[in-house]
Amino acid sequence: MKHRQLLFTMSAGALLACASMNAGAQQDHAYPSRAIRLIVPFPPGGGTDIVARSLGTRMGESLGQQVVIDNRGGAGGNIGAELAAKAAPDGYTLFMASATQAINVTLYRDLTYDLAKDFVPISLVATLPYTLVCNPGLSVTSVKALVQLAKDKPGQLNYSSAGSGTGTHLAMEIFKTAAGINIVHIPYKGSAPAVTDLLGGQVQLMFGNTATVLPQIKAGRLRALAVTSLKRSPLLPEVATVAESVVPGFEVTQWYGVLAPARTPPRLISRLHAEIAKATEKPELKDRLHAEGAEATSNTPQQYTAFIRAEIAKWAKAVRESGARVD
């Protein structure tokens, strides 16, 4: 009798395991059965939105379901992030993250979500450098000459940014520390006024989003001194990198990638990763991002997780040294 009960128990366990495996396979086959929402934590038209829409179009074509862009701007990107963090972990809500989220970990005291615990990284999608630009009235034509001028005149040069705690602010703070120079920060409410006053000569320097400042560089209204990627930008091949000029190994980039709410099943993460990797290889996506000064890319969930941890640490140091704080 005991032998029969044991056989029955083993058979029942095997049946349950098979049923579970079959259910998982059916779910994989059925997914996605409806539209996927990709939350963008900024208004339409910005860099995060452009990358998200470009990716969403290509993923939708491959998945056979629409990827709907849901713009939830506000609080420096935190409103959209909180919404995504609390979404059901079913593969139907994703989040387009950027370097901003890594910065916000230290910049804000009381975040209502935990970037490391409330999300599962899926893949990077794009990276792009900042470009160090100056008003042509400043008598330097290279980043090496700028560093020397700043050392000769400590505290007498100034730079604009899109606001305290933004990437354009903290990129300069990282550069200042690495180069050992003192340049005064003039914060603005957004990139547009920061660039406008740079053009007008009210400020002298800026680390600008490459796509934003490129038209002014081409028109001769701004002078490009360096880019912040390790490799030269294909949009500005004649412009040196900070790394090759004055600070070996220097790299500060804007980046965009996709996260899912924590506890999203690993099989769905694997499926989504494969779709993102496939999308970033498509010429249409590469060309669209290239026009914005960005390079399409992808990496594994494990690599993206390590990347985000390193980014949080890098930006945390910049936030602390700059004294930036948003409450």
Foldseek 3Di string as FASTA:
>chain_A
DVVVVVVVVVVVVVVVVVVVVVVVVVVLVCPPVEEAEEEEAADPDDPLNLLVVLLQVLLCVVRVYGYHYHYRYDPQSQVSVVVQLPDDLALRYKYKDKLSVLLCVQQEDDRPDDPLAFWQFQKWWKKFWWWKKWFPVDPDQAVLVVLVVQVVPAAPAEAEDLAFSDLFVLLVLVVCVQSVGHHHYDYDNGDVVRVVVRLVVVHTITRHQCLVCVVCCVVVSMHTHAIQAPADQPSCNVHHHCCVRGGPPGHDIMTIGMIHTPPNDPVSSVVVSVSSQVSLPDPSSQVSVVSSRMGTDIDGSVVVSVVSVVSSVVSNVSCVVVVRHDD
